[in-house]
Amino acid sequence: NTEQFKDLKGRAEALGGIFDVDRKLAEIADEEEQTLDPKFWDEPKKAELHLKKIKDKKIWTDAYGLITNAIGDLEVLIEFQEIGEASSEEIHAHYLQLMQLVEDLEFKNMLQS
């Protein structure tokens, strides 16, 4: 069970590298700051394309964020199990949810390539 979690966590971390999540987050912050410019909507078509570009990046970073949160939650559950506060069934259910999130993002990445 621990090995399966480590493997899944490794796959998730690899996705973060593939997507260069930190760079994407910095780009999103910069691009969102540009939308605060009072002249941003002077060219509506250009503004819409800019917002779509932000939205497209957020799809990936939000999905990766869900995975990292799920990993953290699972790690906490494992600690709780060690002190008798969580059951194997809870951990297994959370592991399956995490696996689905990782597989969905891997599949989406594969379709985009």
PDB file of N, CA and C in Angstrom:
ATOM      1  N   ASN A   1       0.824  -1.194   0.000  1.00  0.00           N
ATOM      2  CA  ASN A   1       0.000   0.000   0.000  1.00  0.00           C
ATOM      3  C   ASN A   1       0.871   1.262   0.000  1.00  0.00           C
ATOM      4  N   THR A   2       1.909   1.266   0.826  1.00  0.00           N
ATOM      5  CA  THR A   2       2.810   2.408   0.877  1.00  0.00           C
ATOM      6  C   THR A   2       3.554   2.566  -0.438  1.00  0.00           C
ATOM      7  N   GLU A   3       3.950   1.450  -1.033  1.00  0.00           N
ATOM      8  CA  GLU A   3       4.649   1.502  -2.324  1.00  0.00           C
ATOM      9  C   GLU A   3       3.733   2.035  -3.420  1.00  0.00           C
ATOM     10  N   GLN A   4       2.473   1.635  -3.386  1.00  0.00           N
ATOM     11  CA  GLN A   4       1.525   2.130  -4.381  1.00  0.00           C
ATOM     12  C   GLN A   4       1.368   3.641  -4.252  1.00  0.00           C
ATOM     13  N   PHE A   5       1.288   4.116  -3.018  1.00  0.00           N
ATOM     14  CA  PHE A   5       1.152   5.556  -2.788  1.00  0.00           C
ATOM     15  C   PHE A   5       2.396   6.293  -3.276  1.00  0.00           C
ATOM     16  N   LYS A   6       3.576   5.758  -2.969  1.00  0.00           N
ATOM     17  CA  LYS A   6       4.818   6.398  -3.416  1.00  0.00           C
ATOM     18  C   LYS A   6       4.870   6.457  -4.941  1.00  0.00           C
ATOM     19  N   ASP A   7       4.439   5.378  -5.596  1.00  0.00           N
ATOM     20  CA  ASP A   7       4.417   5.338  -7.054  1.00  0.00           C
ATOM     21  C   ASP A   7       3.463   6.393  -7.610  1.00  0.00           C
ATOM     22  N   LEU A   8       2.281   6.472  -7.030  1.00  0.00           N
ATOM     23  CA  LEU A   8       1.287   7.438  -7.485  1.00  0.00           C
ATOM     24  C   LEU A   8       1.759   8.867  -7.230  1.00  0.00           C
ATOM     25  N   LYS A   9       2.385   9.081  -6.098  1.00  0.00           N
ATOM     26  CA  LYS A   9       2.922  10.401  -5.776  1.00  0.00           C
ATOM     27  C   LYS A   9       4.024  10.780  -6.774  1.00  0.00           C
ATOM     28  N   GLY A  10       4.850   9.813  -7.133  1.00  0.00           N
ATOM     29  CA  GLY A  10       5.892  10.054  -8.135  1.00  0.00           C
ATOM     30  C   GLY A  10       5.310  10.411  -9.490  1.00  0.00           C
ATOM     31  N   ARG A  11       4.248   9.726  -9.877  1.00  0.00           N
ATOM     32  CA  ARG A  11       3.575  10.041 -11.142  1.00  0.00           C
ATOM     33  C   ARG A  11       3.011  11.454 -11.111  1.00  0.00           C
ATOM     34  N   ALA A  12       2.445  11.831  -9.977  1.00  0.00           N
ATOM     35  CA  ALA A  12       1.881  13.174  -9.833  1.00  0.00           C
ATOM     36  C   ALA A  12       2.979  14.231  -9.921  1.00  0.00           C
ATOM     37  N   GLU A  13       4.090  13.984  -9.255  1.00  0.00           N
ATOM     38  CA  GLU A  13       5.207  14.934  -9.288  1.00  0.00           C
ATOM     39  C   GLU A  13       5.767  15.053 -10.703  1.00  0.00           C
ATOM     40  N   ALA A  14       5.791  13.952 -11.427  1.00  0.00           N
ATOM     41  CA  ALA A  14       6.259  13.983 -12.818  1.00  0.00           C
ATOM     42  C   ALA A  14       5.342  14.864 -13.669  1.00  0.00           C
ATOM     43  N   LEU A  15       4.039  14.805 -13.404  1.00  0.00           N
ATOM     44  CA  LEU A  15       3.108  15.659 -14.138  1.00  0.00           C
ATOM     45  C   LEU A  15       3.419  17.135 -13.894  1.00  0.00           C
ATOM     46  N   GLY A  16       3.748  17.461 -12.653  1.00  0.00           N
ATOM     47  CA  GLY A  16       4.092  18.845 -12.331  1.00  0.00           C
ATOM     48  C   GLY A  16       5.282  19.328 -13.131  1.00  0.00           C
ATOM     49  N   GLY A  17       6.244  18.441 -13.343  1.00  0.00           N
ATOM     50  CA  GLY A  17       7.408  18.791 -14.149  1.00  0.00           C
ATOM     51  C   GLY A  17       7.068  18.916 -15.617  1.00  0.00           C
ATOM     52  N   ILE A  18       6.246  18.021 -16.105  1.00  0.00           N
ATOM     53  CA  ILE A  18       5.844  18.052 -17.513  1.00  0.00           C
ATOM     54  C   ILE A  18       5.129  19.363 -17.833  1.00  0.00           C
ATOM     55  N   PHE A  19       4.243  19.762 -16.938  1.00  0.00           N
ATOM     56  CA  PHE A  19       3.456  20.967 -17.170  1.00  0.00           C
ATOM     57  C   PHE A  19       4.185  22.235 -16.758  1.00  0.00           C
ATOM     58  N   ASP A  20       5.308  22.084 -16.074  1.00  0.00           N
ATOM     59  CA  ASP A  20       6.050  23.234 -15.548  1.00  0.00           C
ATOM     60  C   ASP A  20       5.082  24.151 -14.810  1.00  0.00           C
ATOM     61  N   VAL A  21       4.458  23.581 -13.796  1.00  0.00           N
ATOM     62  CA  VAL A  21       3.394  24.244 -13.055  1.00  0.00           C
ATOM     63  C   VAL A  21       3.837  25.585 -12.491  1.00  0.00           C
ATOM     64  N   ASP A  22       5.030  25.654 -11.919  1.00  0.00           N
ATOM     65  CA  ASP A  22       5.488  26.916 -11.332  1.00  0.00           C
ATOM     66  C   ASP A  22       5.559  28.030 -12.382  1.00  0.00           C
ATOM     67  N   ARG A  23       6.058  27.697 -13.560  1.00  0.00           N
ATOM     68  CA  ARG A  23       6.126  28.687 -14.633  1.00  0.00           C
ATOM     69  C   ARG A  23       4.731  29.113 -15.062  1.00  0.00           C
ATOM     70  N   LYS A  24       3.832  28.134 -15.196  1.00  0.00           N
ATOM     71  CA  LYS A  24       2.464  28.452 -15.600  1.00  0.00           C
ATOM     72  C   LYS A  24       1.780  29.350 -14.565  1.00  0.00           C
ATOM     73  N   LEU A  25       2.002  29.073 -13.287  1.00  0.00           N
ATOM     74  CA  LEU A  25       1.395  29.901 -12.242  1.00  0.00           C
ATOM     75  C   LEU A  25       1.923  31.333 -12.305  1.00  0.00           C
ATOM     76  N   ALA A  26       3.209  31.483 -12.562  1.00  0.00           N
ATOM     77  CA  ALA A  26       3.793  32.825 -12.689  1.00  0.00           C
ATOM     78  C   ALA A  26       3.218  33.545 -13.913  1.00  0.00           C
ATOM     79  N   GLU A  27       3.077  32.814 -15.007  1.00  0.00           N
ATOM     80  CA  GLU A  27       2.503  33.407 -16.215  1.00  0.00           C
ATOM     81  C   GLU A  27       1.060  33.842 -15.977  1.00  0.00           C
ATOM     82  N   ILE A  28       0.297  33.001 -15.288  1.00  0.00           N
ATOM     83  CA  ILE A  28      -1.097  33.336 -14.994  1.00  0.00           C
ATOM     84  C   ILE A  28      -1.162  34.608 -14.161  1.00  0.00           C
ATOM     85  N   ALA A  29      -0.322  34.698 -13.140  1.00  0.00           N
ATOM     86  CA  ALA A  29      -0.319  35.889 -12.285  1.00  0.00           C
ATOM     87  C   ALA A  29       0.000  37.137 -13.107  1.00  0.00           C
ATOM     88  N   ASP A  30       0.990  37.026 -13.988  1.00  0.00           N
ATOM     89  CA  ASP A  30       1.369  38.152 -14.828  1.00  0.00           C
ATOM     90  C   ASP A  30       0.244  38.519 -15.793  1.00  0.00           C
ATOM     91  N   GLU A  31      -0.344  37.517 -16.414  1.00  0.00           N
ATOM     92  CA  GLU A  31      -1.416  37.762 -17.374  1.00  0.00           C
ATOM     93  C   GLU A  31      -2.667  38.315 -16.695  1.00  0.00           C
ATOM     94  N   GLU A  32      -2.949  37.859 -15.477  1.00  0.00           N
ATOM     95  CA  GLU A  32      -4.096  38.404 -14.755  1.00  0.00           C
ATOM     96  C   GLU A  32      -3.852  39.854 -14.357  1.00  0.00           C
ATOM     97  N   GLU A  33      -2.616  40.179 -14.051  1.00  0.00           N
ATOM     98  CA  GLU A  33      -2.276  41.564 -13.711  1.00  0.00           C
ATOM     99  C   GLU A  33      -2.516  42.479 -14.913  1.00  0.00           C
ATOM    100  N   GLN A  34      -2.248  41.967 -16.093  1.00  0.00           N
ATOM    101  CA  GLN A  34      -2.472  42.752 -17.309  1.00  0.00           C
ATOM    102  C   GLN A  34      -3.942  43.102 -17.494  1.00  0.00           C
ATOM    103  N   THR A  35      -4.830  42.254 -16.990  1.00  0.00           N
ATOM    104  CA  THR A  35      -6.269  42.515 -17.138  1.00  0.00           C
ATOM    105  C   THR A  35      -6.724  43.684 -16.270  1.00  0.00           C
ATOM    106  N   LEU A  36      -5.905  44.109 -15.335  1.00  0.00           N
ATOM    107  CA  LEU A  36      -6.255  45.232 -14.470  1.00  0.00           C
ATOM    108  C   LEU A  36      -5.996  46.577 -15.131  1.00  0.00           C
ATOM    109  N   ASP A  37      -5.287  46.570 -16.238  1.00  0.00           N
ATOM    110  CA  ASP A  37      -5.005  47.800 -16.967  1.00  0.00           C
ATOM    111  C   ASP A  37      -6.322  48.398 -17.470  1.00  0.00           C
ATOM    112  N   PRO A  38      -6.552  49.677 -17.210  1.00  0.00           N
ATOM    113  CA  PRO A  38      -7.817  50.298 -17.654  1.00  0.00           C
ATOM    114  C   PRO A  38      -8.043  50.191 -19.168  1.00  0.00           C
ATOM    115  N   LYS A  39      -6.998  50.054 -19.948  1.00  0.00           N
ATOM    116  CA  LYS A  39      -7.131  49.970 -21.404  1.00  0.00           C
ATOM    117  C   LYS A  39      -7.319  48.526 -21.896  1.00  0.00           C
ATOM    118  N   PHE A  40      -7.392  47.594 -20.954  1.00  0.00           N
ATOM    119  CA  PHE A  40      -7.472  46.171 -21.317  1.00  0.00           C
ATOM    120  C   PHE A  40      -8.633  45.888 -22.260  1.00  0.00           C
ATOM    121  N   TRP A  41      -9.808  46.473 -21.999  1.00  0.00           N
ATOM    122  CA  TRP A  41     -10.994  46.167 -22.797  1.00  0.00           C
ATOM    123  C   TRP A  41     -11.154  47.080 -24.009  1.00  0.00           C
ATOM    124  N   ASP A  42     -10.144  47.908 -24.278  1.00  0.00           N
ATOM    125  CA  ASP A  42     -10.220  48.763 -25.460  1.00  0.00           C
ATOM    126  C   ASP A  42     -10.295  47.937 -26.741  1.00  0.00           C
ATOM    127  N   GLU A  43      -9.694  46.784 -26.736  1.00  0.00           N
ATOM    128  CA  GLU A  43      -9.765  45.852 -27.871  1.00  0.00           C
ATOM    129  C   GLU A  43     -10.413  44.556 -27.372  1.00  0.00           C
ATOM    130  N   PRO A  44     -11.753  44.490 -27.421  1.00  0.00           N
ATOM    131  CA  PRO A  44     -12.486  43.361 -26.834  1.00  0.00           C
ATOM    132  C   PRO A  44     -12.072  41.980 -27.343  1.00  0.00           C
ATOM    133  N   LYS A  45     -11.836  41.859 -28.629  1.00  0.00           N
ATOM    134  CA  LYS A  45     -11.450  40.541 -29.183  1.00  0.00           C
ATOM    135  C   LYS A  45     -10.110  40.097 -28.608  1.00  0.00           C
ATOM    136  N   LYS A  46      -9.173  41.000 -28.561  1.00  0.00           N
ATOM    137  CA  LYS A  46      -7.849  40.703 -28.004  1.00  0.00           C
ATOM    138  C   LYS A  46      -7.965  40.367 -26.515  1.00  0.00           C
ATOM    139  N   ALA A  47      -8.827  41.092 -25.808  1.00  0.00           N
ATOM    140  CA  ALA A  47      -9.035  40.848 -24.376  1.00  0.00           C
ATOM    141  C   ALA A  47      -9.636  39.457 -24.149  1.00  0.00           C
ATOM    142  N   GLU A  48     -10.597  39.085 -24.982  1.00  0.00           N
ATOM    143  CA  GLU A  48     -11.217  37.767 -24.862  1.00  0.00           C
ATOM    144  C   GLU A  48     -10.197  36.653 -25.098  1.00  0.00           C
ATOM    145  N   LEU A  49      -9.350  36.813 -26.097  1.00  0.00           N
ATOM    146  CA  LEU A  49      -8.307  35.815 -26.366  1.00  0.00           C
ATOM    147  C   LEU A  49      -7.344  35.716 -25.188  1.00  0.00           C
ATOM    148  N   HIS A  50      -7.031  36.856 -24.610  1.00  0.00           N
ATOM    149  CA  HIS A  50      -6.131  36.882 -23.456  1.00  0.00           C
ATOM    150  C   HIS A  50      -6.750  36.109 -22.283  1.00  0.00           C
ATOM    151  N   LEU A  51      -8.037  36.352 -22.023  1.00  0.00           N
ATOM    152  CA  LEU A  51      -8.727  35.649 -20.930  1.00  0.00           C
ATOM    153  C   LEU A  51      -8.834  34.158 -21.203  1.00  0.00           C
ATOM    154  N   LYS A  52      -9.037  33.791 -22.475  1.00  0.00           N
ATOM    155  CA  LYS A  52      -9.094  32.368 -22.828  1.00  0.00           C
ATOM    156  C   LYS A  52      -7.748  31.702 -22.570  1.00  0.00           C
ATOM    157  N   LYS A  53      -6.671  32.398 -22.889  1.00  0.00           N
ATOM    158  CA  LYS A  53      -5.330  31.868 -22.657  1.00  0.00           C
ATOM    159  C   LYS A  53      -5.114  31.613 -21.154  1.00  0.00           C
ATOM    160  N   ILE A  54      -5.570  32.544 -20.332  1.00  0.00           N
ATOM    161  CA  ILE A  54      -5.465  32.370 -18.879  1.00  0.00           C
ATOM    162  C   ILE A  54      -6.292  31.168 -18.438  1.00  0.00           C
ATOM    163  N   LYS A  55      -7.511  31.092 -18.942  1.00  0.00           N
ATOM    164  CA  LYS A  55      -8.409  29.992 -18.565  1.00  0.00           C
ATOM    165  C   LYS A  55      -7.807  28.639 -18.950  1.00  0.00           C
ATOM    166  N   ASP A  56      -7.221  28.558 -20.137  1.00  0.00           N
ATOM    167  CA  ASP A  56      -6.625  27.300 -20.590  1.00  0.00           C
ATOM    168  C   ASP A  56      -5.486  26.863 -19.668  1.00  0.00           C
ATOM    169  N   LYS A  57      -4.679  27.800 -19.230  1.00  0.00           N
ATOM    170  CA  LYS A  57      -3.578  27.470 -18.308  1.00  0.00           C
ATOM    171  C   LYS A  57      -4.123  27.056 -16.944  1.00  0.00           C
ATOM    172  N   LYS A  58      -5.181  27.727 -16.520  1.00  0.00           N
ATOM    173  CA  LYS A  58      -5.750  27.419 -15.199  1.00  0.00           C
ATOM    174  C   LYS A  58      -6.361  26.014 -15.147  1.00  0.00           C
ATOM    175  N   ILE A  59      -6.831  25.544 -16.261  1.00  0.00           N
ATOM    176  CA  ILE A  59      -7.379  24.184 -16.292  1.00  0.00           C
ATOM    177  C   ILE A  59      -6.312  23.196 -15.821  1.00  0.00           C
ATOM    178  N   TRP A  60      -5.080  23.365 -16.332  1.00  0.00           N
ATOM    179  CA  TRP A  60      -3.987  22.468 -15.970  1.00  0.00           C
ATOM    180  C   TRP A  60      -3.521  22.694 -14.533  1.00  0.00           C
ATOM    181  N   THR A  61      -3.335  23.975 -14.164  1.00  0.00           N
ATOM    182  CA  THR A  61      -2.817  24.245 -12.822  1.00  0.00           C
ATOM    183  C   THR A  61      -3.844  23.908 -11.750  1.00  0.00           C
ATOM    184  N   ASP A  62      -5.124  24.121 -12.028  1.00  0.00           N
ATOM    185  CA  ASP A  62      -6.164  23.762 -11.061  1.00  0.00           C
ATOM    186  C   ASP A  62      -6.230  22.246 -10.869  1.00  0.00           C
ATOM    187  N   ALA A  63      -6.141  21.509 -11.979  1.00  0.00           N
ATOM    188  CA  ALA A  63      -6.160  20.043 -11.892  1.00  0.00           C
ATOM    189  C   ALA A  63      -4.959  19.540 -11.100  1.00  0.00           C
ATOM    190  N   TYR A  64      -3.800  20.133 -11.350  1.00  0.00           N
ATOM    191  CA  TYR A  64      -2.605  19.728 -10.602  1.00  0.00           C
ATOM    192  C   TYR A  64      -2.742  20.114  -9.127  1.00  0.00           C
ATOM    193  N   GLY A  65      -3.355  21.244  -8.861  1.00  0.00           N
ATOM    194  CA  GLY A  65      -3.599  21.661  -7.482  1.00  0.00           C
ATOM    195  C   GLY A  65      -4.494  20.681  -6.743  1.00  0.00           C
ATOM    196  N   LEU A  66      -5.511  20.168  -7.411  1.00  0.00           N
ATOM    197  CA  LEU A  66      -6.379  19.153  -6.801  1.00  0.00           C
ATOM    198  C   LEU A  66      -5.570  17.908  -6.439  1.00  0.00           C
ATOM    199  N   ILE A  67      -4.659  17.531  -7.306  1.00  0.00           N
ATOM    200  CA  ILE A  67      -3.828  16.354  -7.054  1.00  0.00           C
ATOM    201  C   ILE A  67      -2.919  16.585  -5.862  1.00  0.00           C
ATOM    202  N   THR A  68      -2.267  17.731  -5.804  1.00  0.00           N
ATOM    203  CA  THR A  68      -1.352  17.983  -4.684  1.00  0.00           C
ATOM    204  C   THR A  68      -2.121  18.066  -3.365  1.00  0.00           C
ATOM    205  N   ASN A  69      -3.315  18.635  -3.398  1.00  0.00           N
ATOM    206  CA  ASN A  69      -4.142  18.662  -2.185  1.00  0.00           C
ATOM    207  C   ASN A  69      -4.547  17.258  -1.760  1.00  0.00           C
ATOM    208  N   ALA A  70      -4.907  16.429  -2.729  1.00  0.00           N
ATOM    209  CA  ALA A  70      -5.303  15.058  -2.435  1.00  0.00           C
ATOM    210  C   ALA A  70      -4.130  14.253  -1.866  1.00  0.00           C
ATOM    211  N   ILE A  71      -2.929  14.508  -2.365  1.00  0.00           N
ATOM    212  CA  ILE A  71      -1.737  13.844  -1.825  1.00  0.00           C
ATOM    213  C   ILE A  71      -1.550  14.241  -0.359  1.00  0.00           C
ATOM    214  N   GLY A  72      -1.651  15.532  -0.086  1.00  0.00           N
ATOM    215  CA  GLY A  72      -1.516  16.005   1.293  1.00  0.00           C
ATOM    216  C   GLY A  72      -2.566  15.402   2.210  1.00  0.00           C
ATOM    217  N   ASP A  73      -3.802  15.337   1.733  1.00  0.00           N
ATOM    218  CA  ASP A  73      -4.877  14.746   2.534  1.00  0.00           C
ATOM    219  C   ASP A  73      -4.603  13.270   2.815  1.00  0.00           C
ATOM    220  N   LEU A  74      -4.116  12.568   1.810  1.00  0.00           N
ATOM    221  CA  LEU A  74      -3.828  11.146   1.980  1.00  0.00           C
ATOM    222  C   LEU A  74      -2.681  10.936   2.967  1.00  0.00           C
ATOM    223  N   GLU A  75      -1.682  11.794   2.900  1.00  0.00           N
ATOM    224  CA  GLU A  75      -0.568  11.691   3.853  1.00  0.00           C
ATOM    225  C   GLU A  75      -1.056  11.909   5.284  1.00  0.00           C
ATOM    226  N   VAL A  76      -1.969  12.850   5.464  1.00  0.00           N
ATOM    227  CA  VAL A  76      -2.538  13.094   6.794  1.00  0.00           C
ATOM    228  C   VAL A  76      -3.351  11.879   7.248  1.00  0.00           C
ATOM    229  N   LEU A  77      -4.139  11.321   6.349  1.00  0.00           N
ATOM    230  CA  LEU A  77      -4.922  10.124   6.687  1.00  0.00           C
ATOM    231  C   LEU A  77      -4.022   8.965   7.106  1.00  0.00           C
ATOM    232  N   ILE A  78      -2.911   8.814   6.417  1.00  0.00           N
ATOM    233  CA  ILE A  78      -1.965   7.744   6.762  1.00  0.00           C
ATOM    234  C   ILE A  78      -1.416   7.969   8.175  1.00  0.00           C
ATOM    235  N   GLU A  79      -1.097   9.216   8.480  1.00  0.00           N
ATOM    236  CA  GLU A  79      -0.629   9.529   9.842  1.00  0.00           C
ATOM    237  C   GLU A  79      -1.718   9.239  10.868  1.00  0.00           C
ATOM    238  N   PHE A  80      -2.960   9.591  10.526  1.00  0.00           N
ATOM    239  CA  PHE A  80      -4.072   9.318  11.433  1.00  0.00           C
ATOM    240  C   PHE A  80      -4.262   7.819  11.636  1.00  0.00           C
ATOM    241  N   GLN A  81      -4.047   7.051  10.586  1.00  0.00           N
ATOM    242  CA  GLN A  81      -4.190   5.603  10.714  1.00  0.00           C
ATOM    243  C   GLN A  81      -3.155   5.054  11.690  1.00  0.00           C
ATOM    244  N   GLU A  82      -1.961   5.614  11.651  1.00  0.00           N
ATOM    245  CA  GLU A  82      -0.896   5.156  12.541  1.00  0.00           C
ATOM    246  C   GLU A  82      -1.247   5.358  14.013  1.00  0.00           C
ATOM    247  N   ILE A  83      -2.079   6.373  14.296  1.00  0.00           N
ATOM    248  CA  ILE A  83      -2.489   6.589  15.693  1.00  0.00           C
ATOM    249  C   ILE A  83      -3.912   6.101  15.952  1.00  0.00           C
ATOM    250  N   GLY A  84      -4.457   5.371  14.983  1.00  0.00           N
ATOM    251  CA  GLY A  84      -5.764   4.748  15.166  1.00  0.00           C
ATOM    252  C   GLY A  84      -6.950   5.660  14.900  1.00  0.00           C
ATOM    253  N   GLU A  85      -6.740   6.762  14.205  1.00  0.00           N
ATOM    254  CA  GLU A  85      -7.820   7.721  13.961  1.00  0.00           C
ATOM    255  C   GLU A  85      -8.423   7.622  12.561  1.00  0.00           C
ATOM    256  N   ALA A  86      -7.884   6.766  11.716  1.00  0.00           N
ATOM    257  CA  ALA A  86      -8.421   6.581  10.364  1.00  0.00           C
ATOM    258  C   ALA A  86      -8.363   5.100  10.018  1.00  0.00           C
ATOM    259  N   SER A  87      -9.314   4.679   9.217  1.00  0.00           N
ATOM    260  CA  SER A  87      -9.382   3.265   8.855  1.00  0.00           C
ATOM    261  C   SER A  87      -8.713   3.007   7.514  1.00  0.00           C
ATOM    262  N   SER A  88      -8.416   1.756   7.273  1.00  0.00           N
ATOM    263  CA  SER A  88      -7.846   1.343   5.987  1.00  0.00           C
ATOM    264  C   SER A  88      -8.812   1.646   4.850  1.00  0.00           C
ATOM    265  N   GLU A  89     -10.103   1.503   5.136  1.00  0.00           N
ATOM    266  CA  GLU A  89     -11.108   1.764   4.110  1.00  0.00           C
ATOM    267  C   GLU A  89     -11.098   3.231   3.689  1.00  0.00           C
ATOM    268  N   GLU A  90     -10.953   4.148   4.669  1.00  0.00           N
ATOM    269  CA  GLU A  90     -10.886   5.570   4.349  1.00  0.00           C
ATOM    270  C   GLU A  90      -9.667   5.863   3.478  1.00  0.00           C
ATOM    271  N   ILE A  91      -8.555   5.285   3.843  1.00  0.00           N
ATOM    272  CA  ILE A  91      -7.321   5.504   3.100  1.00  0.00           C
ATOM    273  C   ILE A  91      -7.454   4.953   1.687  1.00  0.00           C
ATOM    274  N   HIS A  92      -8.017   3.770   1.567  1.00  0.00           N
ATOM    275  CA  HIS A  92      -8.179   3.153   0.257  1.00  0.00           C
ATOM    276  C   HIS A  92      -9.100   3.998  -0.633  1.00  0.00           C
ATOM    277  N   ALA A  93     -10.195   4.481  -0.067  1.00  0.00           N
ATOM    278  CA  ALA A  93     -11.131   5.299  -0.845  1.00  0.00           C
ATOM    279  C   ALA A  93     -10.454   6.585  -1.314  1.00  0.00           C
ATOM    280  N   HIS A  94      -9.678   7.203  -0.435  1.00  0.00           N
ATOM    281  CA  HIS A  94      -8.991   8.436  -0.803  1.00  0.00           C
ATOM    282  C   HIS A  94      -7.900   8.146  -1.848  1.00  0.00           C
ATOM    283  N   TYR A  95      -7.228   7.020  -1.702  1.00  0.00           N
ATOM    284  CA  TYR A  95      -6.211   6.617  -2.678  1.00  0.00           C
ATOM    285  C   TYR A  95      -6.838   6.444  -4.060  1.00  0.00           C
ATOM    286  N   LEU A  96      -8.006   5.817  -4.114  1.00  0.00           N
ATOM    287  CA  LEU A  96      -8.685   5.613  -5.399  1.00  0.00           C
ATOM    288  C   LEU A  96      -9.073   6.945  -6.039  1.00  0.00           C
ATOM    289  N   GLN A  97      -9.505   7.899  -5.210  1.00  0.00           N
ATOM    290  CA  GLN A  97      -9.841   9.225  -5.730  1.00  0.00           C
ATOM    291  C   GLN A  97      -8.596   9.909  -6.305  1.00  0.00           C
ATOM    292  N   LEU A  98      -7.497   9.802  -5.562  1.00  0.00           N
ATOM    293  CA  LEU A  98      -6.240  10.390  -6.021  1.00  0.00           C
ATOM    294  C   LEU A  98      -5.788   9.733  -7.326  1.00  0.00           C
ATOM    295  N   MET A  99      -5.890   8.423  -7.394  1.00  0.00           N
ATOM    296  CA  MET A  99      -5.496   7.708  -8.599  1.00  0.00           C
ATOM    297  C   MET A  99      -6.320   8.182  -9.794  1.00  0.00           C
ATOM    298  N   GLN A 100      -7.600   8.396  -9.588  1.00  0.00           N
ATOM    299  CA  GLN A 100      -8.464   8.851 -10.681  1.00  0.00           C
ATOM    300  C   GLN A 100      -8.049  10.245 -11.148  1.00  0.00           C
ATOM    301  N   LEU A 101      -7.730  11.134 -10.208  1.00  0.00           N
ATOM    302  CA  LEU A 101      -7.281  12.480 -10.574  1.00  0.00           C
ATOM    303  C   LEU A 101      -5.993  12.425 -11.409  1.00  0.00           C
ATOM    304  N   VAL A 102      -5.042  11.603 -10.965  1.00  0.00           N
ATOM    305  CA  VAL A 102      -3.767  11.482 -11.683  1.00  0.00           C
ATOM    306  C   VAL A 102      -3.995  10.881 -13.066  1.00  0.00           C
ATOM    307  N   GLU A 103      -4.776   9.818 -13.136  1.00  0.00           N
ATOM    308  CA  GLU A 103      -5.021   9.173 -14.423  1.00  0.00           C
ATOM    309  C   GLU A 103      -5.758  10.098 -15.387  1.00  0.00           C
ATOM    310  N   ASP A 104      -6.701  10.878 -14.859  1.00  0.00           N
ATOM    311  CA  ASP A 104      -7.423  11.819 -15.721  1.00  0.00           C
ATOM    312  C   ASP A 104      -6.477  12.852 -16.313  1.00  0.00           C
ATOM    313  N   LEU A 105      -5.576  13.383 -15.489  1.00  0.00           N
ATOM    314  CA  LEU A 105      -4.643  14.393 -15.983  1.00  0.00           C
ATOM    315  C   LEU A 105      -3.612  13.782 -16.927  1.00  0.00           C
ATOM    316  N   GLU A 106      -3.167  12.572 -16.641  1.00  0.00           N
ATOM    317  CA  GLU A 106      -2.243  11.892 -17.559  1.00  0.00           C
ATOM    318  C   GLU A 106      -2.917  11.662 -18.910  1.00  0.00           C
ATOM    319  N   PHE A 107      -4.172  11.240 -18.879  1.00  0.00           N
ATOM    320  CA  PHE A 107      -4.911  10.985 -20.113  1.00  0.00           C
ATOM    321  C   PHE A 107      -5.098  12.282 -20.902  1.00  0.00           C
ATOM    322  N   LYS A 108      -5.466  13.339 -20.211  1.00  0.00           N
ATOM    323  CA  LYS A 108      -5.635  14.635 -20.862  1.00  0.00           C
ATOM    324  C   LYS A 108      -4.322  15.094 -21.499  1.00  0.00           C
ATOM    325  N   ASN A 109      -3.235  14.879 -20.817  1.00  0.00           N
ATOM    326  CA  ASN A 109      -1.918  15.242 -21.348  1.00  0.00           C
ATOM    327  C   ASN A 109      -1.612  14.423 -22.607  1.00  0.00           C
ATOM    328  N   MET A 110      -1.956  13.148 -22.553  1.00  0.00           N
ATOM    329  CA  MET A 110      -1.714  12.278 -23.692  1.00  0.00           C
ATOM    330  C   MET A 110      -2.535  12.733 -24.918  1.00  0.00           C
ATOM    331  N   LEU A 111      -3.767  13.158 -24.677  1.00  0.00           N
ATOM    332  CA  LEU A 111      -4.610  13.614 -25.774  1.00  0.00           C
ATOM    333  C   LEU A 111      -4.097  14.907 -26.383  1.00  0.00           C
ATOM    334  N   GLN A 112      -3.479  15.727 -25.559  1.00  0.00           N
ATOM    335  CA  GLN A 112      -2.988  17.015 -26.037  1.00  0.00           C
ATOM    336  C   GLN A 112      -1.701  16.855 -26.844  1.00  0.00           C
ATOM    337  N   SER A 113      -0.926  15.819 -26.566  1.00  0.00           N
ATOM    338  CA  SER A 113       0.361  15.638 -27.249  1.00  0.00           C
ATOM    339  C   SER A 113       0.190  15.319 -28.712  1.00  0.00           C
TER     340      SER A 113
END
